[in-house]
């Protein structure tokens, strides 16, 4: 990870009707509900696309680095920490920003 990248920790709930930001956990992880089942990596792909779109990045600007098979995941994001914090703040703590 270089100076222009940050780690975003999330807790994912697959199988939602739409993908939404669903709040912040007490440990600081962002909760995300994704509109895909946890089958054959579909939920992971939807998660990466949703996070990239929400943060105004290309798909390649977000990479899943931990948690491939679990609900707790780490994503490497092509934003420095200050910019990531700014963009996450614009989303709100549980504003449930939706994406199909």
C-alpha atoms as a PDB file:
ATOM      1  CA  UNK A   1       0.000   0.000   0.000  1.00  0.00           C
ATOM      2  CA  UNK A   2       1.447   3.382  -0.967  1.00  0.00           C
ATOM      3  CA  UNK A   3       0.752   6.914   0.294  1.00  0.00           C
ATOM      4  CA  UNK A   4      -2.158   7.290  -2.146  1.00  0.00           C
ATOM      5  CA  UNK A   5      -4.054   4.254  -0.898  1.00  0.00           C
ATOM      6  CA  UNK A   6      -6.021   3.475   2.244  1.00  0.00           C
ATOM      7  CA  UNK A   7      -7.715   0.491   3.826  1.00  0.00           C
ATOM      8  CA  UNK A   8     -11.476   0.501   4.232  1.00  0.00           C
ATOM      9  CA  UNK A   9     -12.803  -2.114   6.653  1.00  0.00           C
ATOM     10  CA  UNK A  10     -16.376  -3.247   6.127  1.00  0.00           C
ATOM     11  CA  UNK A  11     -18.917  -5.731   7.477  1.00  0.00           C
ATOM     12  CA  UNK A  12     -20.985  -7.108   4.593  1.00  0.00           C
ATOM     13  CA  UNK A  13     -24.505  -8.480   4.603  1.00  0.00           C
ATOM     14  CA  UNK A  14     -25.270 -10.207   1.283  1.00  0.00           C
ATOM     15  CA  UNK A  15     -28.693 -10.834  -0.224  1.00  0.00           C
ATOM     16  CA  UNK A  16     -30.198  -7.354   0.163  1.00  0.00           C
ATOM     17  CA  UNK A  17     -32.753  -6.044  -2.344  1.00  0.00           C
ATOM     18  CA  UNK A  18     -30.443  -3.108  -3.146  1.00  0.00           C
ATOM     19  CA  UNK A  19     -26.868  -2.270  -2.171  1.00  0.00           C
ATOM     20  CA  UNK A  20     -26.735   0.326   0.617  1.00  0.00           C
ATOM     21  CA  UNK A  21     -24.396   1.820   3.192  1.00  0.00           C
ATOM     22  CA  UNK A  22     -25.980   0.669   6.443  1.00  0.00           C
ATOM     23  CA  UNK A  23     -24.134   2.483   9.217  1.00  0.00           C
ATOM     24  CA  UNK A  24     -20.929   2.257  11.197  1.00  0.00           C
ATOM     25  CA  UNK A  25     -20.054  -0.522  13.636  1.00  0.00           C
ATOM     26  CA  UNK A  26     -18.695   0.395  17.117  1.00  0.00           C
ATOM     27  CA  UNK A  27     -15.183  -0.637  15.991  1.00  0.00           C
ATOM     28  CA  UNK A  28     -15.312   1.762  13.021  1.00  0.00           C
ATOM     29  CA  UNK A  29     -16.094  -0.738  10.266  1.00  0.00           C
ATOM     30  CA  UNK A  30     -18.688   0.429   7.756  1.00  0.00           C
ATOM     31  CA  UNK A  31     -21.714  -1.806   7.340  1.00  0.00           C
ATOM     32  CA  UNK A  32     -22.699  -2.527   3.753  1.00  0.00           C
ATOM     33  CA  UNK A  33     -25.680  -4.493   2.492  1.00  0.00           C
ATOM     34  CA  UNK A  34     -25.116  -5.843  -1.016  1.00  0.00           C
ATOM     35  CA  UNK A  35     -27.654  -6.862  -3.642  1.00  0.00           C
ATOM     36  CA  UNK A  36     -26.088 -10.205  -4.463  1.00  0.00           C
ATOM     37  CA  UNK A  37     -25.992 -13.667  -2.922  1.00  0.00           C
ATOM     38  CA  UNK A  38     -22.801 -14.955  -1.284  1.00  0.00           C
ATOM     39  CA  UNK A  39     -22.343 -17.477  -4.092  1.00  0.00           C
ATOM     40  CA  UNK A  40     -19.301 -17.813  -6.385  1.00  0.00           C
ATOM     41  CA  UNK A  41     -17.903 -14.417  -5.408  1.00  0.00           C
ATOM     42  CA  UNK A  42     -20.930 -12.473  -6.630  1.00  0.00           C
ATOM     43  CA  UNK A  43     -21.351 -10.537  -3.385  1.00  0.00           C
ATOM     44  CA  UNK A  44     -17.653  -9.605  -3.396  1.00  0.00           C
ATOM     45  CA  UNK A  45     -17.849  -8.249  -6.940  1.00  0.00           C
ATOM     46  CA  UNK A  46     -20.994  -6.250  -6.160  1.00  0.00           C
ATOM     47  CA  UNK A  47     -19.337  -4.918  -2.991  1.00  0.00           C
ATOM     48  CA  UNK A  48     -16.269  -3.693  -4.886  1.00  0.00           C
ATOM     49  CA  UNK A  49     -18.399  -2.091  -7.617  1.00  0.00           C
ATOM     50  CA  UNK A  50     -20.695  -0.443  -5.057  1.00  0.00           C
ATOM     51  CA  UNK A  51     -17.815   0.966  -2.992  1.00  0.00           C
ATOM     52  CA  UNK A  52     -16.037   2.233  -6.119  1.00  0.00           C
ATOM     53  CA  UNK A  53     -19.197   3.910  -7.424  1.00  0.00           C
ATOM     54  CA  UNK A  54     -20.041   5.423  -4.028  1.00  0.00           C
ATOM     55  CA  UNK A  55     -16.538   6.881  -3.633  1.00  0.00           C
ATOM     56  CA  UNK A  56     -16.339   8.154  -7.209  1.00  0.00           C
ATOM     57  CA  UNK A  57     -13.627   5.703  -8.259  1.00  0.00           C
ATOM     58  CA  UNK A  58     -13.165   3.324 -11.162  1.00  0.00           C
ATOM     59  CA  UNK A  59     -13.765  -0.380 -10.421  1.00  0.00           C
ATOM     60  CA  UNK A  60      -9.984  -0.932 -10.522  1.00  0.00           C
ATOM     61  CA  UNK A  61      -9.561   1.699  -7.785  1.00  0.00           C
ATOM     62  CA  UNK A  62     -10.936  -0.677  -5.129  1.00  0.00           C
ATOM     63  CA  UNK A  63      -9.459  -4.099  -4.354  1.00  0.00           C
ATOM     64  CA  UNK A  64     -10.630  -6.746  -1.900  1.00  0.00           C
ATOM     65  CA  UNK A  65      -7.564  -7.666   0.156  1.00  0.00           C
ATOM     66  CA  UNK A  66      -9.011  -9.617   3.119  1.00  0.00           C
ATOM     67  CA  UNK A  67     -12.149 -11.552   3.890  1.00  0.00           C
ATOM     68  CA  UNK A  68     -12.821 -13.228   0.573  1.00  0.00           C
ATOM     69  CA  UNK A  69     -15.098 -15.832   2.186  1.00  0.00           C
ATOM     70  CA  UNK A  70     -16.285 -13.957   5.280  1.00  0.00           C
ATOM     71  CA  UNK A  71     -18.435 -11.004   6.207  1.00  0.00           C
ATOM     72  CA  UNK A  72     -15.579  -8.911   7.600  1.00  0.00           C
ATOM     73  CA  UNK A  73     -13.532  -7.546   4.722  1.00  0.00           C
ATOM     74  CA  UNK A  74     -10.712  -5.121   4.021  1.00  0.00           C
ATOM     75  CA  UNK A  75     -10.638  -3.135   0.805  1.00  0.00           C
ATOM     76  CA  UNK A  76      -7.643  -1.250  -0.544  1.00  0.00           C
ATOM     77  CA  UNK A  77      -8.895   2.049  -1.967  1.00  0.00           C
ATOM     78  CA  UNK A  78      -6.983   4.390  -4.286  1.00  0.00           C
ATOM     79  CA  UNK A  79      -7.488   7.441  -2.045  1.00  0.00           C
ATOM     80  CA  UNK A  80      -5.291   8.799   0.717  1.00  0.00           C
ATOM     81  CA  UNK A  81      -6.719   8.541   4.233  1.00  0.00           C
ATOM     82  CA  UNK A  82      -7.890  12.153   4.418  1.00  0.00           C
ATOM     83  CA  UNK A  83      -9.753  11.974   1.094  1.00  0.00           C
ATOM     84  CA  UNK A  84     -11.281   8.599   1.966  1.00  0.00           C
ATOM     85  CA  UNK A  85     -12.509  10.021   5.284  1.00  0.00           C
ATOM     86  CA  UNK A  86     -13.956  13.074   3.485  1.00  0.00           C
ATOM     87  CA  UNK A  87     -15.830  10.960   0.937  1.00  0.00           C
ATOM     88  CA  UNK A  88     -17.100   8.520   3.561  1.00  0.00           C
ATOM     89  CA  UNK A  89     -18.250  11.467   5.670  1.00  0.00           C
ATOM     90  CA  UNK A  90     -20.253  12.761   2.724  1.00  0.00           C
ATOM     91  CA  UNK A  91     -22.096   9.424   2.693  1.00  0.00           C
ATOM     92  CA  UNK A  92     -23.206   9.826   6.312  1.00  0.00           C
ATOM     93  CA  UNK A  93     -23.114   7.274   9.115  1.00  0.00           C
ATOM     94  CA  UNK A  94     -26.136   5.287   8.030  1.00  0.00           C
ATOM     95  CA  UNK A  95     -27.601   7.243   5.220  1.00  0.00           C
ATOM     96  CA  UNK A  96     -28.394   4.057   3.307  1.00  0.00           C
ATOM     97  CA  UNK A  97     -27.213   5.369  -0.049  1.00  0.00           C
ATOM     98  CA  UNK A  98     -28.685   2.942  -2.550  1.00  0.00           C
ATOM     99  CA  UNK A  99     -27.441   1.380  -5.742  1.00  0.00           C
ATOM    100  CA  UNK A 100     -29.127  -1.354  -7.776  1.00  0.00           C
END
